[in-house]
N, C-alpha and C. Protein backbone atom coordinates (compact mmCIF):
# COMPACT_ATOMS: atom_id res chain seq x y z
N MET A 1 84.31 72.04 -80.80
CA MET A 1 83.82 72.98 -81.79
C MET A 1 82.51 72.46 -82.38
N SER A 2 81.59 73.36 -82.67
CA SER A 2 80.37 72.97 -83.35
C SER A 2 80.11 73.97 -84.47
N SER A 3 79.44 73.50 -85.49
CA SER A 3 79.15 74.36 -86.63
C SER A 3 77.80 75.03 -86.39
N ALA A 4 77.68 76.29 -86.69
CA ALA A 4 76.42 77.01 -86.53
C ALA A 4 76.21 77.88 -87.75
N GLN A 5 74.96 78.28 -88.00
CA GLN A 5 74.68 79.19 -89.09
C GLN A 5 74.31 80.52 -88.51
N SER A 6 74.73 81.57 -89.16
CA SER A 6 74.44 82.90 -88.68
C SER A 6 74.00 83.77 -89.84
N CYS A 7 72.97 84.54 -89.62
CA CYS A 7 72.44 85.45 -90.63
C CYS A 7 73.23 86.75 -90.52
N VAL A 8 73.79 87.18 -91.63
CA VAL A 8 74.59 88.40 -91.65
C VAL A 8 73.94 89.37 -92.62
N LYS A 9 73.66 90.58 -92.18
CA LYS A 9 73.05 91.58 -93.04
C LYS A 9 74.13 92.11 -93.98
N ALA A 10 73.87 91.99 -95.29
CA ALA A 10 74.87 92.38 -96.26
C ALA A 10 74.56 93.73 -96.90
N GLY A 11 73.35 94.20 -96.82
CA GLY A 11 72.99 95.46 -97.43
C GLY A 11 71.58 95.82 -97.00
N PRO A 12 71.01 96.88 -97.57
CA PRO A 12 69.68 97.31 -97.12
C PRO A 12 68.59 96.29 -97.42
N HIS A 13 68.77 95.41 -98.39
CA HIS A 13 67.70 94.48 -98.74
C HIS A 13 68.20 93.07 -98.93
N THR A 14 69.41 92.77 -98.53
CA THR A 14 69.94 91.43 -98.74
C THR A 14 70.52 90.88 -97.46
N ALA A 15 70.55 89.59 -97.37
CA ALA A 15 71.18 88.93 -96.24
C ALA A 15 71.80 87.65 -96.75
N ILE A 16 72.87 87.23 -96.14
CA ILE A 16 73.51 85.99 -96.53
C ILE A 16 73.70 85.14 -95.29
N VAL A 17 73.80 83.84 -95.47
CA VAL A 17 74.05 82.96 -94.35
C VAL A 17 75.45 82.42 -94.50
N LEU A 18 76.22 82.51 -93.45
CA LEU A 18 77.58 82.02 -93.45
C LEU A 18 77.67 80.84 -92.50
N ALA A 19 78.37 79.80 -92.91
CA ALA A 19 78.65 78.71 -91.99
C ALA A 19 79.89 79.12 -91.20
N VAL A 20 79.79 79.12 -89.90
CA VAL A 20 80.91 79.53 -89.06
C VAL A 20 81.19 78.46 -88.03
N LYS A 21 82.43 78.43 -87.58
CA LYS A 21 82.81 77.54 -86.49
C LYS A 21 82.86 78.39 -85.24
N GLU A 22 82.21 77.92 -84.18
CA GLU A 22 82.29 78.65 -82.93
C GLU A 22 82.47 77.65 -81.80
N GLN A 23 83.21 78.07 -80.81
CA GLN A 23 83.46 77.19 -79.69
C GLN A 23 82.32 77.31 -78.71
N THR A 24 81.83 76.17 -78.24
CA THR A 24 80.76 76.18 -77.26
C THR A 24 81.31 75.67 -75.94
N VAL A 25 80.74 76.16 -74.87
CA VAL A 25 81.21 75.79 -73.54
C VAL A 25 80.18 74.87 -72.91
N SER A 26 80.67 73.82 -72.27
CA SER A 26 79.79 72.87 -71.62
C SER A 26 80.39 72.48 -70.29
N ALA A 27 79.54 72.09 -69.34
CA ALA A 27 80.04 71.64 -68.05
C ALA A 27 80.88 70.38 -68.23
N ASP A 28 80.51 69.54 -69.17
CA ASP A 28 81.25 68.31 -69.47
C ASP A 28 81.98 68.53 -70.79
N PRO A 29 83.33 68.62 -70.78
CA PRO A 29 84.06 68.91 -72.01
C PRO A 29 83.84 67.88 -73.11
N ALA A 30 83.39 66.68 -72.77
CA ALA A 30 83.15 65.65 -73.79
C ALA A 30 81.82 65.87 -74.48
N THR A 31 80.93 66.68 -73.89
CA THR A 31 79.60 66.92 -74.45
C THR A 31 79.49 68.36 -74.92
N PRO A 32 79.31 68.61 -76.22
CA PRO A 32 79.17 69.99 -76.68
C PRO A 32 77.86 70.60 -76.20
N ALA A 33 77.90 71.89 -75.91
CA ALA A 33 76.69 72.59 -75.48
C ALA A 33 75.74 72.74 -76.66
N GLU A 34 74.45 72.68 -76.40
CA GLU A 34 73.45 72.87 -77.45
C GLU A 34 73.09 74.34 -77.54
N ALA A 35 72.68 74.75 -78.73
CA ALA A 35 72.22 76.12 -78.91
C ALA A 35 70.95 76.30 -78.07
N PRO A 36 70.74 77.47 -77.50
CA PRO A 36 69.54 77.67 -76.68
C PRO A 36 68.28 77.55 -77.53
N ALA A 37 67.24 77.02 -76.92
CA ALA A 37 65.96 76.90 -77.61
C ALA A 37 65.00 77.94 -77.04
N VAL A 38 64.12 78.40 -77.87
CA VAL A 38 63.13 79.39 -77.44
C VAL A 38 62.03 78.68 -76.68
N GLU A 39 61.81 79.14 -75.46
CA GLU A 39 60.72 78.60 -74.65
C GLU A 39 59.42 79.30 -75.04
N LYS A 40 59.48 80.64 -75.07
CA LYS A 40 58.33 81.44 -75.50
C LYS A 40 58.78 82.85 -75.80
N ILE A 41 57.96 83.54 -76.58
CA ILE A 41 58.19 84.95 -76.89
C ILE A 41 56.91 85.70 -76.55
N VAL A 42 57.05 86.78 -75.81
CA VAL A 42 55.90 87.60 -75.42
C VAL A 42 56.24 89.07 -75.69
N ARG A 43 55.25 89.92 -75.56
CA ARG A 43 55.46 91.35 -75.69
C ARG A 43 55.21 91.97 -74.31
N ASN A 44 56.12 92.84 -73.86
CA ASN A 44 55.94 93.48 -72.56
C ASN A 44 55.06 94.73 -72.69
N GLU A 45 54.85 95.43 -71.57
CA GLU A 45 53.97 96.61 -71.55
C GLU A 45 54.48 97.71 -72.47
N ALA A 46 55.79 97.76 -72.70
CA ALA A 46 56.38 98.79 -73.56
C ALA A 46 56.32 98.39 -75.04
N GLY A 47 55.77 97.21 -75.34
CA GLY A 47 55.66 96.76 -76.72
C GLY A 47 56.90 96.05 -77.25
N GLN A 48 57.87 95.79 -76.38
CA GLN A 48 59.11 95.13 -76.79
C GLN A 48 58.92 93.61 -76.79
N LEU A 49 59.67 92.94 -77.69
CA LEU A 49 59.67 91.49 -77.68
C LEU A 49 60.55 91.00 -76.54
N VAL A 50 60.03 90.04 -75.78
CA VAL A 50 60.76 89.44 -74.67
C VAL A 50 60.89 87.96 -74.99
N VAL A 51 62.14 87.48 -75.07
CA VAL A 51 62.41 86.09 -75.45
C VAL A 51 62.86 85.32 -74.21
N HIS A 52 62.16 84.25 -73.92
CA HIS A 52 62.52 83.35 -72.83
C HIS A 52 63.21 82.14 -73.45
N LEU A 53 64.48 81.94 -73.10
CA LEU A 53 65.27 80.82 -73.62
C LEU A 53 65.36 79.72 -72.56
N ARG A 54 65.23 78.47 -73.00
CA ARG A 54 65.35 77.35 -72.08
C ARG A 54 66.73 77.35 -71.44
N GLY A 55 66.75 77.10 -70.14
CA GLY A 55 68.02 77.02 -69.43
C GLY A 55 68.56 78.36 -68.96
N GLN A 56 67.88 79.46 -69.28
CA GLN A 56 68.33 80.78 -68.84
C GLN A 56 67.27 81.37 -67.92
N THR A 57 67.71 81.92 -66.81
CA THR A 57 66.76 82.45 -65.83
C THR A 57 66.21 83.81 -66.23
N GLU A 58 67.03 84.63 -66.86
CA GLU A 58 66.60 85.98 -67.24
C GLU A 58 66.18 86.00 -68.71
N PRO A 59 65.02 86.56 -69.02
CA PRO A 59 64.62 86.69 -70.43
C PRO A 59 65.40 87.80 -71.12
N VAL A 60 65.41 87.77 -72.42
CA VAL A 60 66.06 88.81 -73.23
C VAL A 60 64.98 89.82 -73.62
N VAL A 61 65.15 91.05 -73.19
CA VAL A 61 64.17 92.11 -73.43
C VAL A 61 64.59 92.92 -74.66
N ASP A 62 63.62 93.35 -75.44
CA ASP A 62 63.83 94.17 -76.64
C ASP A 62 64.58 93.40 -77.72
N ALA A 63 64.16 92.16 -77.92
CA ALA A 63 64.76 91.31 -78.95
C ALA A 63 64.32 91.77 -80.34
N VAL A 64 65.09 91.38 -81.34
CA VAL A 64 64.83 91.74 -82.73
C VAL A 64 64.78 90.46 -83.55
N VAL A 65 63.88 90.40 -84.52
CA VAL A 65 63.82 89.25 -85.42
C VAL A 65 64.18 89.70 -86.83
N ALA A 66 64.84 88.81 -87.57
CA ALA A 66 65.22 89.12 -88.95
C ALA A 66 65.15 87.85 -89.78
N ARG A 67 64.59 87.98 -90.98
CA ARG A 67 64.58 86.85 -91.92
C ARG A 67 65.88 86.87 -92.69
N CYS A 68 66.56 85.73 -92.73
CA CYS A 68 67.83 85.66 -93.47
C CYS A 68 67.59 85.59 -94.98
N PHE A 69 66.53 84.94 -95.40
CA PHE A 69 66.18 84.83 -96.82
C PHE A 69 64.74 85.31 -96.99
N PRO A 70 64.51 86.63 -96.94
CA PRO A 70 63.14 87.14 -96.93
C PRO A 70 62.32 86.81 -98.18
N TRP A 71 62.95 86.59 -99.31
CA TRP A 71 62.19 86.33 -100.54
C TRP A 71 62.17 84.85 -100.89
N ALA A 72 63.29 84.18 -100.75
CA ALA A 72 63.36 82.77 -101.13
C ALA A 72 62.74 81.86 -100.07
N LEU A 73 62.99 82.14 -98.80
CA LEU A 73 62.51 81.30 -97.70
C LEU A 73 61.95 82.18 -96.57
N PRO A 74 60.82 82.85 -96.81
CA PRO A 74 60.33 83.82 -95.82
C PRO A 74 59.97 83.23 -94.46
N GLY A 75 59.59 81.96 -94.40
CA GLY A 75 59.22 81.35 -93.13
C GLY A 75 60.32 80.50 -92.53
N SER A 76 61.51 80.56 -93.11
CA SER A 76 62.63 79.74 -92.63
C SER A 76 63.83 80.63 -92.29
N TYR A 77 64.69 80.10 -91.47
CA TYR A 77 65.93 80.78 -91.06
C TYR A 77 65.64 82.19 -90.53
N ILE A 78 64.98 82.20 -89.38
CA ILE A 78 64.65 83.44 -88.69
C ILE A 78 65.67 83.62 -87.58
N SER A 79 66.37 84.73 -87.61
CA SER A 79 67.38 85.04 -86.60
C SER A 79 66.73 85.87 -85.50
N ILE A 80 66.93 85.44 -84.24
CA ILE A 80 66.45 86.21 -83.10
C ILE A 80 67.68 86.75 -82.40
N ARG A 81 67.71 88.08 -82.22
CA ARG A 81 68.90 88.76 -81.71
C ARG A 81 68.56 89.63 -80.50
N ASP A 82 69.58 89.91 -79.72
CA ASP A 82 69.38 90.85 -78.63
C ASP A 82 69.43 92.27 -79.19
N GLN A 83 69.22 93.26 -78.34
CA GLN A 83 69.16 94.65 -78.80
C GLN A 83 70.48 95.17 -79.35
N LYS A 84 71.59 94.48 -79.05
CA LYS A 84 72.90 94.87 -79.58
C LYS A 84 73.21 94.18 -80.91
N GLY A 85 72.31 93.30 -81.35
CA GLY A 85 72.50 92.62 -82.62
C GLY A 85 73.14 91.25 -82.51
N LYS A 86 73.44 90.79 -81.30
CA LYS A 86 74.05 89.47 -81.11
C LYS A 86 72.97 88.40 -81.28
N GLU A 87 73.25 87.44 -82.15
CA GLU A 87 72.27 86.39 -82.40
C GLU A 87 72.12 85.49 -81.19
N LEU A 88 70.87 85.28 -80.78
CA LEU A 88 70.55 84.41 -79.66
C LEU A 88 70.25 83.00 -80.15
N VAL A 89 69.49 82.94 -81.23
CA VAL A 89 69.08 81.64 -81.77
C VAL A 89 68.68 81.81 -83.23
N MET A 90 68.91 80.76 -84.00
CA MET A 90 68.48 80.72 -85.41
C MET A 90 67.37 79.67 -85.50
N LEU A 91 66.19 80.11 -85.88
CA LEU A 91 65.07 79.18 -86.07
C LEU A 91 65.09 78.70 -87.51
N LYS A 92 65.14 77.40 -87.70
CA LYS A 92 65.10 76.87 -89.07
C LYS A 92 63.73 77.11 -89.69
N THR A 93 62.71 77.10 -88.86
CA THR A 93 61.35 77.34 -89.33
C THR A 93 60.53 77.95 -88.20
N LEU A 94 59.50 78.69 -88.54
CA LEU A 94 58.62 79.26 -87.51
C LEU A 94 57.84 78.18 -86.79
N ALA A 95 57.76 76.99 -87.38
CA ALA A 95 57.07 75.86 -86.74
C ALA A 95 57.79 75.42 -85.47
N ASP A 96 59.03 75.88 -85.27
CA ASP A 96 59.78 75.57 -84.04
C ASP A 96 59.22 76.31 -82.83
N LEU A 97 58.32 77.25 -83.06
CA LEU A 97 57.74 78.06 -81.99
C LEU A 97 56.33 77.60 -81.66
N ASP A 98 55.89 77.89 -80.41
CA ASP A 98 54.49 77.65 -80.07
C ASP A 98 53.62 78.65 -80.84
N HIS A 99 52.34 78.39 -80.91
CA HIS A 99 51.42 79.20 -81.73
C HIS A 99 51.48 80.69 -81.37
N ALA A 100 51.41 81.03 -80.08
CA ALA A 100 51.39 82.44 -79.68
C ALA A 100 52.71 83.14 -80.02
N SER A 101 53.84 82.46 -79.80
CA SER A 101 55.14 83.05 -80.13
C SER A 101 55.29 83.23 -81.63
N ARG A 102 54.84 82.24 -82.40
CA ARG A 102 54.92 82.32 -83.86
C ARG A 102 54.11 83.50 -84.37
N ARG A 103 52.92 83.69 -83.80
CA ARG A 103 52.07 84.82 -84.21
C ARG A 103 52.76 86.15 -83.94
N LEU A 104 53.41 86.28 -82.78
CA LEU A 104 54.13 87.52 -82.46
C LEU A 104 55.29 87.78 -83.42
N VAL A 105 56.04 86.74 -83.74
CA VAL A 105 57.17 86.90 -84.68
C VAL A 105 56.65 87.30 -86.05
N GLU A 106 55.58 86.67 -86.51
CA GLU A 106 55.00 87.02 -87.82
C GLU A 106 54.51 88.47 -87.83
N GLU A 107 53.87 88.91 -86.74
CA GLU A 107 53.42 90.31 -86.63
C GLU A 107 54.61 91.27 -86.66
N GLU A 108 55.65 90.92 -85.93
CA GLU A 108 56.85 91.77 -85.86
C GLU A 108 57.47 91.94 -87.25
N ILE A 109 57.59 90.84 -87.97
CA ILE A 109 58.16 90.90 -89.32
C ILE A 109 57.27 91.72 -90.24
N ARG A 110 55.97 91.47 -90.21
CA ARG A 110 55.03 92.19 -91.07
C ARG A 110 55.02 93.69 -90.77
N ASP A 111 55.04 94.06 -89.49
CA ASP A 111 54.96 95.47 -89.11
C ASP A 111 56.26 96.23 -89.32
N LYS A 112 57.38 95.56 -89.25
CA LYS A 112 58.68 96.23 -89.38
C LYS A 112 59.15 96.33 -90.83
N ILE A 113 58.63 95.49 -91.69
CA ILE A 113 59.09 95.47 -93.07
C ILE A 113 57.94 95.90 -93.98
N PHE A 114 58.11 97.05 -94.63
CA PHE A 114 57.10 97.56 -95.55
C PHE A 114 57.39 97.00 -96.93
N SER A 115 56.63 96.02 -97.35
CA SER A 115 56.83 95.40 -98.66
C SER A 115 55.48 94.95 -99.22
N PRO A 116 54.70 95.90 -99.70
CA PRO A 116 53.38 95.56 -100.21
C PRO A 116 53.44 94.64 -101.43
N GLY A 117 52.44 93.80 -101.55
CA GLY A 117 52.29 92.95 -102.72
C GLY A 117 51.45 93.66 -103.77
N ILE A 118 51.94 93.73 -105.00
CA ILE A 118 51.24 94.41 -106.08
C ILE A 118 50.16 93.49 -106.65
N ALA A 119 48.93 93.97 -106.64
CA ALA A 119 47.81 93.23 -107.20
C ALA A 119 47.49 93.70 -108.62
N ARG A 120 47.76 95.00 -108.88
CA ARG A 120 47.43 95.57 -110.19
C ARG A 120 48.23 96.84 -110.39
N ILE A 121 48.75 97.03 -111.59
CA ILE A 121 49.46 98.27 -111.93
C ILE A 121 48.45 99.18 -112.60
N LEU A 122 48.17 100.30 -111.95
CA LEU A 122 47.14 101.22 -112.44
C LEU A 122 47.68 102.14 -113.52
N SER A 123 48.92 102.61 -113.35
CA SER A 123 49.54 103.46 -114.36
C SER A 123 51.05 103.44 -114.19
N HIS A 124 51.73 103.77 -115.27
CA HIS A 124 53.19 103.94 -115.23
C HIS A 124 53.56 104.98 -116.27
N LYS A 125 54.51 105.82 -115.89
CA LYS A 125 54.90 106.92 -116.77
C LYS A 125 56.40 107.13 -116.65
N ARG A 126 57.08 107.14 -117.80
CA ARG A 126 58.52 107.41 -117.82
C ARG A 126 58.73 108.88 -118.17
N GLU A 127 59.54 109.55 -117.34
CA GLU A 127 59.80 110.95 -117.57
C GLU A 127 61.14 111.32 -116.93
N PHE A 128 62.02 111.94 -117.70
CA PHE A 128 63.32 112.39 -117.23
C PHE A 128 64.14 111.26 -116.60
N GLY A 129 64.05 110.07 -117.18
CA GLY A 129 64.83 108.93 -116.70
C GLY A 129 64.28 108.24 -115.46
N VAL A 130 63.09 108.64 -115.03
CA VAL A 130 62.46 108.04 -113.85
C VAL A 130 61.11 107.48 -114.27
N THR A 131 60.80 106.27 -113.82
CA THR A 131 59.49 105.67 -114.08
C THR A 131 58.66 105.78 -112.82
N SER A 132 57.51 106.40 -112.93
CA SER A 132 56.58 106.54 -111.81
C SER A 132 55.48 105.48 -112.00
N ILE A 133 55.28 104.65 -110.99
CA ILE A 133 54.31 103.57 -111.05
C ILE A 133 53.27 103.76 -109.97
N THR A 134 52.01 103.70 -110.36
CA THR A 134 50.91 103.71 -109.40
C THR A 134 50.32 102.31 -109.42
N ALA A 135 50.23 101.69 -108.23
CA ALA A 135 49.77 100.30 -108.16
C ALA A 135 48.78 100.12 -107.02
N GLU A 136 47.90 99.15 -107.21
CA GLU A 136 47.00 98.72 -106.17
C GLU A 136 47.71 97.56 -105.46
N THR A 137 47.87 97.68 -104.14
CA THR A 137 48.60 96.65 -103.38
C THR A 137 47.72 96.11 -102.25
N ASP A 138 48.26 95.12 -101.55
CA ASP A 138 47.54 94.57 -100.41
C ASP A 138 47.51 95.53 -99.23
N ARG A 139 48.19 96.69 -99.35
CA ARG A 139 48.17 97.71 -98.31
C ARG A 139 47.62 99.03 -98.82
N GLY A 140 46.89 98.98 -99.92
CA GLY A 140 46.30 100.18 -100.48
C GLY A 140 47.02 100.65 -101.73
N GLN A 141 46.56 101.75 -102.28
CA GLN A 141 47.16 102.30 -103.50
C GLN A 141 48.44 103.04 -103.16
N VAL A 142 49.48 102.82 -103.96
CA VAL A 142 50.76 103.49 -103.76
C VAL A 142 51.28 104.00 -105.09
N THR A 143 52.09 105.04 -105.02
CA THR A 143 52.82 105.54 -106.19
C THR A 143 54.29 105.56 -105.77
N PHE A 144 55.13 104.96 -106.61
CA PHE A 144 56.56 104.93 -106.31
C PHE A 144 57.34 105.12 -107.59
N GLN A 145 58.61 105.47 -107.44
CA GLN A 145 59.46 105.74 -108.59
C GLN A 145 60.64 104.77 -108.61
N ILE A 146 60.97 104.31 -109.83
CA ILE A 146 62.19 103.54 -110.02
C ILE A 146 63.01 104.28 -111.06
N ARG A 147 64.34 104.16 -110.95
CA ARG A 147 65.21 104.91 -111.85
C ARG A 147 65.70 104.07 -113.03
N THR A 148 66.12 102.84 -112.72
CA THR A 148 66.70 102.01 -113.78
C THR A 148 66.16 100.59 -113.68
N ARG A 149 66.52 99.80 -114.66
CA ARG A 149 66.16 98.39 -114.69
C ARG A 149 66.76 97.65 -113.49
N ASP A 150 67.86 98.18 -112.95
CA ASP A 150 68.50 97.59 -111.77
C ASP A 150 67.61 97.66 -110.53
N ASP A 151 66.58 98.51 -110.56
CA ASP A 151 65.66 98.63 -109.43
C ASP A 151 64.58 97.54 -109.46
N VAL A 152 64.63 96.66 -110.45
CA VAL A 152 63.69 95.55 -110.55
C VAL A 152 64.48 94.25 -110.49
N ARG A 153 64.14 93.44 -109.53
CA ARG A 153 64.83 92.16 -109.36
C ARG A 153 63.89 91.03 -109.76
N VAL A 154 64.35 90.16 -110.65
CA VAL A 154 63.57 89.01 -111.08
C VAL A 154 63.88 87.87 -110.10
N LEU A 155 62.88 87.47 -109.32
CA LEU A 155 63.06 86.42 -108.32
C LEU A 155 62.80 85.03 -108.90
N SER A 156 61.95 84.97 -109.91
CA SER A 156 61.64 83.72 -110.61
C SER A 156 60.97 84.12 -111.93
N PRO A 157 60.65 83.18 -112.79
CA PRO A 157 60.00 83.56 -114.06
C PRO A 157 58.64 84.27 -113.88
N THR A 158 58.02 84.13 -112.72
CA THR A 158 56.73 84.78 -112.50
C THR A 158 56.71 85.70 -111.28
N ARG A 159 57.86 86.02 -110.74
CA ARG A 159 57.93 86.82 -109.51
C ARG A 159 58.94 87.94 -109.66
N LEU A 160 58.50 89.18 -109.36
CA LEU A 160 59.35 90.38 -109.47
C LEU A 160 59.35 91.16 -108.17
N LEU A 161 60.42 91.91 -107.98
CA LEU A 161 60.52 92.78 -106.83
C LEU A 161 61.00 94.15 -107.32
N PHE A 162 60.18 95.19 -107.10
CA PHE A 162 60.54 96.56 -107.45
C PHE A 162 61.10 97.23 -106.20
N ARG A 163 62.21 97.98 -106.34
CA ARG A 163 62.76 98.75 -105.22
C ARG A 163 62.73 100.21 -105.63
N ASP A 164 62.05 101.03 -104.83
CA ASP A 164 61.92 102.45 -105.19
C ASP A 164 63.13 103.26 -104.72
N ALA A 165 63.09 104.54 -105.01
CA ALA A 165 64.20 105.43 -104.71
C ALA A 165 64.47 105.54 -103.21
N ASP A 166 63.46 105.25 -102.37
CA ASP A 166 63.62 105.31 -100.92
C ASP A 166 64.02 103.98 -100.31
N GLY A 167 64.16 102.94 -101.15
CA GLY A 167 64.56 101.62 -100.64
C GLY A 167 63.40 100.72 -100.28
N ASN A 168 62.15 101.19 -100.44
CA ASN A 168 60.99 100.33 -100.19
C ASN A 168 60.88 99.30 -101.31
N THR A 169 60.33 98.14 -100.99
CA THR A 169 60.16 97.11 -102.00
C THR A 169 58.68 96.80 -102.20
N TYR A 170 58.36 96.44 -103.44
CA TYR A 170 57.00 96.11 -103.85
C TYR A 170 57.08 94.82 -104.65
N GLU A 171 56.35 93.80 -104.23
CA GLU A 171 56.49 92.48 -104.84
C GLU A 171 55.31 92.12 -105.73
N VAL A 172 55.63 91.58 -106.90
CA VAL A 172 54.65 90.91 -107.75
C VAL A 172 54.89 89.43 -107.48
N ALA A 173 54.02 88.82 -106.69
CA ALA A 173 54.22 87.43 -106.26
C ALA A 173 53.99 86.44 -107.39
N ASP A 174 53.06 86.76 -108.30
CA ASP A 174 52.75 85.84 -109.39
C ASP A 174 52.22 86.64 -110.59
N LEU A 175 53.03 86.74 -111.63
CA LEU A 175 52.61 87.49 -112.84
C LEU A 175 51.31 86.95 -113.42
N ASP A 176 51.10 85.65 -113.30
CA ASP A 176 49.91 85.03 -113.88
C ASP A 176 48.62 85.48 -113.21
N ARG A 177 48.72 86.05 -112.03
CA ARG A 177 47.52 86.53 -111.33
C ARG A 177 47.19 87.99 -111.64
N LEU A 178 48.08 88.67 -112.35
CA LEU A 178 47.83 90.06 -112.72
C LEU A 178 46.88 90.13 -113.90
N ASP A 179 46.18 91.25 -114.02
CA ASP A 179 45.34 91.47 -115.19
C ASP A 179 46.27 91.63 -116.41
N PRO A 180 45.74 91.45 -117.63
CA PRO A 180 46.60 91.48 -118.83
C PRO A 180 47.44 92.75 -118.99
N ALA A 181 46.87 93.92 -118.71
CA ALA A 181 47.63 95.17 -118.87
C ALA A 181 48.77 95.25 -117.86
N SER A 182 48.52 94.89 -116.61
CA SER A 182 49.57 94.90 -115.59
C SER A 182 50.65 93.88 -115.93
N ARG A 183 50.23 92.73 -116.39
CA ARG A 183 51.20 91.67 -116.73
C ARG A 183 52.10 92.12 -117.88
N ARG A 184 51.53 92.75 -118.91
CA ARG A 184 52.34 93.24 -120.05
C ARG A 184 53.41 94.22 -119.56
N TYR A 185 53.02 95.12 -118.69
CA TYR A 185 54.00 96.09 -118.17
C TYR A 185 55.09 95.38 -117.37
N ALA A 186 54.70 94.51 -116.46
CA ALA A 186 55.66 93.84 -115.59
C ALA A 186 56.59 92.92 -116.39
N GLU A 187 56.07 92.30 -117.44
CA GLU A 187 56.89 91.40 -118.26
C GLU A 187 58.01 92.12 -119.00
N GLU A 188 57.93 93.43 -119.13
CA GLU A 188 59.02 94.20 -119.74
C GLU A 188 60.32 94.03 -118.97
N TYR A 189 60.23 93.66 -117.70
CA TYR A 189 61.41 93.55 -116.85
C TYR A 189 61.97 92.13 -116.77
N LEU A 190 61.32 91.18 -117.43
CA LEU A 190 61.82 89.80 -117.43
C LEU A 190 62.97 89.62 -118.38
């Protein structure tokens, strides 16, 4: 038996890591099998991620990547899965990959997850129990609505995450970098 970590999706915006025991098979029963290592990751003509694992002759086509701790450890504990959701390998860090593979995984995460960083809050208006916020982000100007204080998650004393009615997230990475008016508004949620 060997201990492994697995990323389990717990909800639309959360993930947890569970320590699990799993039996591994080896040609020599005295030697436990090692988890497969990523040789390289490429994109095929159809735009799918193709993962080449050491020791396996056939690559895994249409692989999926997921961050287990997207806010606390965005560059650590990256789960690579097949198209059915079965975990192939857990990367403790993106540094475990070669430069080209790492770049592809970073692009995949960035393109699949819409989570703009808020640079400035341009306006906010409360009406009928809904707060409408217009913000300047690293992906352009956006307007989104939050319903309750529960839609704002405090990640640290200077970091906030807003979740809108559609489930999109908007991050304030550092309150100290906001202009005074934006900071005053955001601090209402601390």
